[in-house]
PDB file of N, CA and C in Angstrom:
ATOM      1  N   MET A   1      15.094  13.705   9.892  1.00  0.00           N
ATOM      2  CA  MET A   1      14.731  12.619   8.998  1.00  0.00           C
ATOM      3  C   MET A   1      13.214  12.553   8.866  1.00  0.00           C
ATOM      4  N   GLU A   2      12.755  12.441   7.666  1.00  0.00           N
ATOM      5  CA  GLU A   2      11.317  12.419   7.396  1.00  0.00           C
ATOM      6  C   GLU A   2      10.722  11.052   7.737  1.00  0.00           C
ATOM      7  N   ARG A   3       9.513  11.090   8.265  1.00  0.00           N
ATOM      8  CA  ARG A   3       8.838   9.838   8.612  1.00  0.00           C
ATOM      9  C   ARG A   3       8.433   9.076   7.359  1.00  0.00           C
ATOM     10  N   LYS A   4       8.315   7.772   7.527  1.00  0.00           N
ATOM     11  CA  LYS A   4       7.843   6.900   6.457  1.00  0.00           C
ATOM     12  C   LYS A   4       6.416   6.500   6.809  1.00  0.00           C
ATOM     13  N   ILE A   5       5.529   6.561   5.829  1.00  0.00           N
ATOM     14  CA  ILE A   5       4.117   6.259   6.033  1.00  0.00           C
ATOM     15  C   ILE A   5       3.753   5.006   5.245  1.00  0.00           C
ATOM     16  N   LYS A   6       3.095   4.076   5.927  1.00  0.00           N
ATOM     17  CA  LYS A   6       2.637   2.837   5.307  1.00  0.00           C
ATOM     18  C   LYS A   6       1.152   2.989   4.994  1.00  0.00           C
ATOM     19  N   LEU A   7       0.818   3.056   3.711  1.00  0.00           N
ATOM     20  CA  LEU A   7      -0.564   3.151   3.261  1.00  0.00           C
ATOM     21  C   LEU A   7      -1.082   1.733   3.053  1.00  0.00           C
ATOM     22  N   ILE A   8      -2.310   1.462   3.520  1.00  0.00           N
ATOM     23  CA  ILE A   8      -2.806   0.088   3.579  1.00  0.00           C
ATOM     24  C   ILE A   8      -4.168  -0.045   2.909  1.00  0.00           C
ATOM     25  N   TRP A   9      -4.291  -1.107   2.089  1.00  0.00           N
ATOM     26  CA  TRP A   9      -5.554  -1.479   1.446  1.00  0.00           C
ATOM     27  C   TRP A   9      -5.918  -2.877   1.934  1.00  0.00           C
ATOM     28  N   ASP A  10      -7.045  -3.010   2.625  1.00  0.00           N
ATOM     29  CA  ASP A  10      -7.485  -4.297   3.164  1.00  0.00           C
ATOM     30  C   ASP A  10      -8.299  -5.068   2.134  1.00  0.00           C
ATOM     31  N   MET A  11      -8.066  -6.374   2.080  1.00  0.00           N
ATOM     32  CA  MET A  11      -8.823  -7.278   1.215  1.00  0.00           C
ATOM     33  C   MET A  11      -9.438  -8.363   2.096  1.00  0.00           C
ATOM     34  N   HIS A  12     -10.702  -8.660   1.873  1.00  0.00           N
ATOM     35  CA  HIS A  12     -11.404  -9.657   2.681  1.00  0.00           C
ATOM     36  C   HIS A  12     -12.060 -10.688   1.775  1.00  0.00           C
ATOM     37  N   GLY A  13     -12.207 -11.900   2.286  1.00  0.00           N
ATOM     38  CA  GLY A  13     -12.913 -12.949   1.560  1.00  0.00           C
ATOM     39  C   GLY A  13     -12.000 -14.079   1.137  1.00  0.00           C
ATOM     40  N   THR A  14     -12.583 -15.014   0.423  1.00  0.00           N
ATOM     41  CA  THR A  14     -11.847 -16.215   0.037  1.00  0.00           C
ATOM     42  C   THR A  14     -10.708 -15.930  -0.944  1.00  0.00           C
ATOM     43  N   HIS A  15     -10.778 -14.848  -1.675  1.00  0.00           N
ATOM     44  CA  HIS A  15      -9.743 -14.501  -2.653  1.00  0.00           C
ATOM     45  C   HIS A  15      -8.878 -13.328  -2.186  1.00  0.00           C
ATOM     46  N   ALA A  16      -8.877 -13.057  -0.884  1.00  0.00           N
ATOM     47  CA  ALA A  16      -8.172 -11.887  -0.353  1.00  0.00           C
ATOM     48  C   ALA A  16      -6.685 -11.901  -0.695  1.00  0.00           C
ATOM     49  N   LYS A  17      -6.039 -13.041  -0.542  1.00  0.00           N
ATOM     50  CA  LYS A  17      -4.597 -13.122  -0.798  1.00  0.00           C
ATOM     51  C   LYS A  17      -4.274 -12.792  -2.257  1.00  0.00           C
ATOM     52  N   GLY A  18      -4.973 -13.405  -3.187  1.00  0.00           N
ATOM     53  CA  GLY A  18      -4.728 -13.140  -4.602  1.00  0.00           C
ATOM     54  C   GLY A  18      -5.040 -11.711  -4.992  1.00  0.00           C
ATOM     55  N   THR A  19      -6.105 -11.174  -4.423  1.00  0.00           N
ATOM     56  CA  THR A  19      -6.474  -9.792  -4.715  1.00  0.00           C
ATOM     57  C   THR A  19      -5.409  -8.832  -4.192  1.00  0.00           C
ATOM     58  N   ALA A  20      -4.903  -9.081  -2.985  1.00  0.00           N
ATOM     59  CA  ALA A  20      -3.863  -8.223  -2.412  1.00  0.00           C
ATOM     60  C   ALA A  20      -2.590  -8.291  -3.258  1.00  0.00           C
ATOM     61  N   GLU A  21      -2.212  -9.489  -3.692  1.00  0.00           N
ATOM     62  CA  GLU A  21      -1.017  -9.627  -4.529  1.00  0.00           C
ATOM     63  C   GLU A  21      -1.178  -8.872  -5.847  1.00  0.00           C
ATOM     64  N   HIS A  22      -2.343  -8.963  -6.447  1.00  0.00           N
ATOM     65  CA  HIS A  22      -2.610  -8.241  -7.695  1.00  0.00           C
ATOM     66  C   HIS A  22      -2.591  -6.725  -7.471  1.00  0.00           C
ATOM     67  N   HIS A  23      -3.176  -6.283  -6.375  1.00  0.00           N
ATOM     68  CA  HIS A  23      -3.216  -4.854  -6.061  1.00  0.00           C
ATOM     69  C   HIS A  23      -1.798  -4.309  -5.860  1.00  0.00           C
ATOM     70  N   ALA A  24      -0.936  -5.089  -5.212  1.00  0.00           N
ATOM     71  CA  ALA A  24       0.445  -4.651  -4.979  1.00  0.00           C
ATOM     72  C   ALA A  24       1.173  -4.403  -6.299  1.00  0.00           C
ATOM     73  N   ILE A  25       0.878  -5.199  -7.312  1.00  0.00           N
ATOM     74  CA  ILE A  25       1.480  -4.990  -8.640  1.00  0.00           C
ATOM     75  C   ILE A  25       1.114  -3.603  -9.164  1.00  0.00           C
ATOM     76  N   HIS A  26      -0.159  -3.239  -9.024  1.00  0.00           N
ATOM     77  CA  HIS A  26      -0.607  -1.930  -9.503  1.00  0.00           C
ATOM     78  C   HIS A  26      -0.040  -0.791  -8.658  1.00  0.00           C
ATOM     79  N   LEU A  27       0.176  -1.014  -7.376  1.00  0.00           N
ATOM     80  CA  LEU A  27       0.802   0.012  -6.538  1.00  0.00           C
ATOM     81  C   LEU A  27       2.225   0.294  -7.021  1.00  0.00           C
ATOM     82  N   LYS A  28       2.971  -0.754  -7.345  1.00  0.00           N
ATOM     83  CA  LYS A  28       4.332  -0.579  -7.862  1.00  0.00           C
ATOM     84  C   LYS A  28       4.304   0.176  -9.186  1.00  0.00           C
ATOM     85  N   GLU A  29       3.373  -0.189 -10.056  1.00  0.00           N
ATOM     86  CA  GLU A  29       3.247   0.489 -11.349  1.00  0.00           C
ATOM     87  C   GLU A  29       2.915   1.969 -11.162  1.00  0.00           C
ATOM     88  N   TYR A  30       2.046   2.282 -10.212  1.00  0.00           N
ATOM     89  CA  TYR A  30       1.705   3.672  -9.936  1.00  0.00           C
ATOM     90  C   TYR A  30       2.950   4.452  -9.514  1.00  0.00           C
ATOM     91  N   GLY A  31       3.727   3.874  -8.607  1.00  0.00           N
ATOM     92  CA  GLY A  31       4.948   4.547  -8.147  1.00  0.00           C
ATOM     93  C   GLY A  31       5.896   4.854  -9.283  1.00  0.00           C
ATOM     94  N   GLU A  32       6.072   3.908 -10.191  1.00  0.00           N
ATOM     95  CA  GLU A  32       6.954   4.118 -11.341  1.00  0.00           C
ATOM     96  C   GLU A  32       6.382   5.169 -12.284  1.00  0.00           C
ATOM     97  N   ARG A  33       5.097   5.063 -12.571  1.00  0.00           N
ATOM     98  CA  ARG A  33       4.461   5.976 -13.526  1.00  0.00           C
ATOM     99  C   ARG A  33       4.445   7.416 -13.021  1.00  0.00           C
ATOM    100  N   GLU A  34       4.193   7.591 -11.720  1.00  0.00           N
ATOM    101  CA  GLU A  34       4.062   8.938 -11.153  1.00  0.00           C
ATOM    102  C   GLU A  34       5.355   9.442 -10.512  1.00  0.00           C
ATOM    103  N   SER A  35       6.426   8.684 -10.635  1.00  0.00           N
ATOM    104  CA  SER A  35       7.738   9.042 -10.070  1.00  0.00           C
ATOM    105  C   SER A  35       7.670   9.313  -8.569  1.00  0.00           C
ATOM    106  N   VAL A  36       6.927   8.467  -7.872  1.00  0.00           N
ATOM    107  CA  VAL A  36       6.851   8.541  -6.413  1.00  0.00           C
ATOM    108  C   VAL A  36       7.937   7.631  -5.853  1.00  0.00           C
ATOM    109  N   ASN A  37       8.673   8.116  -4.864  1.00  0.00           N
ATOM    110  CA  ASN A  37       9.718   7.319  -4.240  1.00  0.00           C
ATOM    111  C   ASN A  37       9.061   6.282  -3.323  1.00  0.00           C
ATOM    112  N   VAL A  38       8.850   5.090  -3.843  1.00  0.00           N
ATOM    113  CA  VAL A  38       8.224   4.009  -3.073  1.00  0.00           C
ATOM    114  C   VAL A  38       9.323   3.291  -2.303  1.00  0.00           C
ATOM    115  N   LEU A  39       9.226   3.327  -0.981  1.00  0.00           N
ATOM    116  CA  LEU A  39      10.241   2.730  -0.120  1.00  0.00           C
ATOM    117  C   LEU A  39       9.982   1.256   0.128  1.00  0.00           C
ATOM    118  N   GLY A  40       8.777   0.814  -0.127  1.00  0.00           N
ATOM    119  CA  GLY A  40       8.419  -0.584   0.048  1.00  0.00           C
ATOM    120  C   GLY A  40       7.011  -0.814  -0.448  1.00  0.00           C
ATOM    121  N   CYS A  41       6.778  -2.030  -0.904  1.00  0.00           N
ATOM    122  CA  CYS A  41       5.462  -2.361  -1.432  1.00  0.00           C
ATOM    123  C   CYS A  41       5.323  -3.867  -1.323  1.00  0.00           C
ATOM    124  N   GLY A  42       4.139  -4.340  -0.925  1.00  0.00           N
ATOM    125  CA  GLY A  42       3.959  -5.773  -0.818  1.00  0.00           C
ATOM    126  C   GLY A  42       2.622  -6.144  -0.229  1.00  0.00           C
ATOM    127  N   THR A  43       2.567  -7.353   0.338  1.00  0.00           N
ATOM    128  CA  THR A  43       1.336  -7.872   0.922  1.00  0.00           C
ATOM    129  C   THR A  43       1.625  -8.511   2.270  1.00  0.00           C
ATOM    130  N   GLU A  44       0.588  -8.639   3.071  1.00  0.00           N
ATOM    131  CA  GLU A  44       0.646  -9.361   4.339  1.00  0.00           C
ATOM    132  C   GLU A  44      -0.644 -10.158   4.464  1.00  0.00           C
ATOM    133  N   ASP A  45      -0.529 -11.395   4.927  1.00  0.00           N
ATOM    134  CA  ASP A  45      -1.696 -12.225   5.177  1.00  0.00           C
ATOM    135  C   ASP A  45      -1.971 -12.203   6.680  1.00  0.00           C
ATOM    136  N   LEU A  46      -3.123 -11.659   7.073  1.00  0.00           N
ATOM    137  CA  LEU A  46      -3.461 -11.554   8.484  1.00  0.00           C
ATOM    138  C   LEU A  46      -4.226 -12.781   8.965  1.00  0.00           C
ATOM    139  N   THR A  47      -5.175 -13.229   8.180  1.00  0.00           N
ATOM    140  CA  THR A  47      -5.903 -14.471   8.439  1.00  0.00           C
ATOM    141  C   THR A  47      -6.167 -15.118   7.088  1.00  0.00           C
ATOM    142  N   GLU A  48      -6.832 -16.237   7.105  1.00  0.00           N
ATOM    143  CA  GLU A  48      -7.161 -16.920   5.851  1.00  0.00           C
ATOM    144  C   GLU A  48      -8.094 -16.076   4.985  1.00  0.00           C
ATOM    145  N   MET A  49      -8.873 -15.210   5.620  1.00  0.00           N
ATOM    146  CA  MET A  49      -9.869 -14.408   4.908  1.00  0.00           C
ATOM    147  C   MET A  49      -9.552 -12.908   4.917  1.00  0.00           C
ATOM    148  N   HIS A  50      -8.341 -12.523   5.344  1.00  0.00           N
ATOM    149  CA  HIS A  50      -7.987 -11.102   5.416  1.00  0.00           C
ATOM    150  C   HIS A  50      -6.517 -10.932   5.061  1.00  0.00           C
ATOM    151  N   SER A  51      -6.282 -10.267   3.948  1.00  0.00           N
ATOM    152  CA  SER A  51      -4.927  -9.915   3.515  1.00  0.00           C
ATOM    153  C   SER A  51      -4.903  -8.426   3.231  1.00  0.00           C
ATOM    154  N   LEU A  52      -3.711  -7.879   3.130  1.00  0.00           N
ATOM    155  CA  LEU A  52      -3.607  -6.463   2.802  1.00  0.00           C
ATOM    156  C   LEU A  52      -2.481  -6.232   1.823  1.00  0.00           C
ATOM    157  N   ALA A  53      -2.633  -5.167   1.067  1.00  0.00           N
ATOM    158  CA  ALA A  53      -1.575  -4.661   0.199  1.00  0.00           C
ATOM    159  C   ALA A  53      -1.110  -3.352   0.823  1.00  0.00           C
ATOM    160  N   PHE A  54       0.185  -3.083   0.733  1.00  0.00           N
ATOM    161  CA  PHE A  54       0.693  -1.846   1.329  1.00  0.00           C
ATOM    162  C   PHE A  54       1.737  -1.199   0.441  1.00  0.00           C
ATOM    163  N   MET A  55       1.897   0.091   0.672  1.00  0.00           N
ATOM    164  CA  MET A  55       2.916   0.896  -0.006  1.00  0.00           C
ATOM    165  C   MET A  55       3.504   1.822   1.046  1.00  0.00           C
ATOM    166  N   ILE A  56       4.823   1.879   1.136  1.00  0.00           N
ATOM    167  CA  ILE A  56       5.489   2.772   2.076  1.00  0.00           C
ATOM    168  C   ILE A  56       6.089   3.924   1.285  1.00  0.00           C
ATOM    169  N   VAL A  57       5.742   5.145   1.706  1.00  0.00           N
ATOM    170  CA  VAL A  57       6.230   6.352   1.034  1.00  0.00           C
ATOM    171  C   VAL A  57       6.742   7.336   2.076  1.00  0.00           C
ATOM    172  N   GLU A  58       7.482   8.312   1.627  1.00  0.00           N
ATOM    173  CA  GLU A  58       7.914   9.392   2.513  1.00  0.00           C
ATOM    174  C   GLU A  58       6.704  10.253   2.857  1.00  0.00           C
ATOM    175  N   GLU A  59       6.737  10.849   4.017  1.00  0.00           N
ATOM    176  CA  GLU A  59       5.596  11.646   4.481  1.00  0.00           C
ATOM    177  C   GLU A  59       5.243  12.762   3.498  1.00  0.00           C
ATOM    178  N   LYS A  60       6.232  13.335   2.825  1.00  0.00           N
ATOM    179  CA  LYS A  60       5.965  14.436   1.892  1.00  0.00           C
ATOM    180  C   LYS A  60       5.120  13.988   0.692  1.00  0.00           C
ATOM    181  N   ASP A  61       5.159  12.695   0.364  1.00  0.00           N
ATOM    182  CA  ASP A  61       4.387  12.159  -0.763  1.00  0.00           C
ATOM    183  C   ASP A  61       3.044  11.575  -0.344  1.00  0.00           C
ATOM    184  N   MET A  62       2.806  11.453   0.941  1.00  0.00           N
ATOM    185  CA  MET A  62       1.637  10.748   1.440  1.00  0.00           C
ATOM    186  C   MET A  62       0.319  11.361   0.974  1.00  0.00           C
ATOM    187  N   ILE A  63       0.164  12.660   1.022  1.00  0.00           N
ATOM    188  CA  ILE A  63      -1.096  13.309   0.651  1.00  0.00           C
ATOM    189  C   ILE A  63      -1.410  13.057  -0.827  1.00  0.00           C
ATOM    190  N   THR A  64      -0.419  13.194  -1.690  1.00  0.00           N
ATOM    191  CA  THR A  64      -0.619  12.973  -3.123  1.00  0.00           C
ATOM    192  C   THR A  64      -1.068  11.544  -3.392  1.00  0.00           C
ATOM    193  N   VAL A  65      -0.375  10.580  -2.802  1.00  0.00           N
ATOM    194  CA  VAL A  65      -0.714   9.172  -3.013  1.00  0.00           C
ATOM    195  C   VAL A  65      -2.071   8.856  -2.391  1.00  0.00           C
ATOM    196  N   ARG A  66      -2.309   9.367  -1.192  1.00  0.00           N
ATOM    197  CA  ARG A  66      -3.595   9.122  -0.518  1.00  0.00           C
ATOM    198  C   ARG A  66      -4.764   9.615  -1.359  1.00  0.00           C
ATOM    199  N   ASP A  67      -4.656  10.816  -1.882  1.00  0.00           N
ATOM    200  CA  ASP A  67      -5.753  11.383  -2.674  1.00  0.00           C
ATOM    201  C   ASP A  67      -5.960  10.633  -3.992  1.00  0.00           C
ATOM    202  N   ALA A  68      -4.892  10.126  -4.570  1.00  0.00           N
ATOM    203  CA  ALA A  68      -5.000   9.426  -5.853  1.00  0.00           C
ATOM    204  C   ALA A  68      -5.487   7.988  -5.687  1.00  0.00           C
ATOM    205  N   LEU A  69      -5.030   7.299  -4.636  1.00  0.00           N
ATOM    206  CA  LEU A  69      -5.280   5.860  -4.519  1.00  0.00           C
ATOM    207  C   LEU A  69      -6.238   5.464  -3.394  1.00  0.00           C
ATOM    208  N   ARG A  70      -6.550   6.373  -2.509  1.00  0.00           N
ATOM    209  CA  ARG A  70      -7.547   6.200  -1.467  1.00  0.00           C
ATOM    210  C   ARG A  70      -7.408   4.917  -0.630  1.00  0.00           C
ATOM    211  N   PRO A  71      -6.308   4.780   0.115  1.00  0.00           N
ATOM    212  CA  PRO A  71      -6.156   3.612   0.986  1.00  0.00           C
ATOM    213  C   PRO A  71      -7.180   3.647   2.118  1.00  0.00           C
ATOM    214  N   GLN A  72      -7.458   2.478   2.714  1.00  0.00           N
ATOM    215  CA  GLN A  72      -8.396   2.425   3.828  1.00  0.00           C
ATOM    216  C   GLN A  72      -7.798   3.006   5.103  1.00  0.00           C
ATOM    217  N   ARG A  73      -6.489   2.857   5.256  1.00  0.00           N
ATOM    218  CA  ARG A  73      -5.851   3.358   6.477  1.00  0.00           C
ATOM    219  C   ARG A  73      -4.373   3.552   6.235  1.00  0.00           C
ATOM    220  N   ALA A  74      -3.701   4.131   7.235  1.00  0.00           N
ATOM    221  CA  ALA A  74      -2.266   4.372   7.159  1.00  0.00           C
ATOM    222  C   ALA A  74      -1.689   4.347   8.560  1.00  0.00           C
ATOM    223  N   GLU A  75      -0.384   4.108   8.616  1.00  0.00           N
ATOM    224  CA  GLU A  75       0.313   4.129   9.905  1.00  0.00           C
ATOM    225  C   GLU A  75       1.759   4.540   9.649  1.00  0.00           C
ATOM    226  N   VAL A  76       2.408   4.996  10.697  1.00  0.00           N
ATOM    227  CA  VAL A  76       3.822   5.342  10.571  1.00  0.00           C
ATOM    228  C   VAL A  76       4.602   4.032  10.487  1.00  0.00           C
ATOM    229  N   ALA A  77       5.447   3.913   9.467  1.00  0.00           N
ATOM    230  CA  ALA A  77       6.253   2.702   9.279  1.00  0.00           C
ATOM    231  C   ALA A  77       7.512   2.800  10.128  1.00  0.00           C
ATOM    232  N   GLU A  78       7.938   1.672  10.613  1.00  0.00           N
ATOM    233  CA  GLU A  78       9.158   1.635  11.432  1.00  0.00           C
ATOM    234  C   GLU A  78      10.351   1.255  10.609  1.00  0.00           C
TER     235      GLU A  78
END
C-alpha cells in the first residue's frame, strides 16, 4: 500500500484562518484541474495567529504537486 503524504502551507497573522480557508479552495481546484487524486484537503487552526491549509496525496503524486505548489512542509499522513 502506498503512503499518503500531507502537504502543508502555513499561514500566520490576524487573517491566518481566512487565508488558509481560501488557499484550501485553490488546492481543491488544482487537484481537479490537474487530475491529481486528492485524498483530503482542508484547514487546521493551530493558534489564533497560525492556521494551515493542507492537501493529502498519494506518494507517487507528491513530487509533481510539491514542485507545482511549493508547500512549506510535508509529513506522512496517518
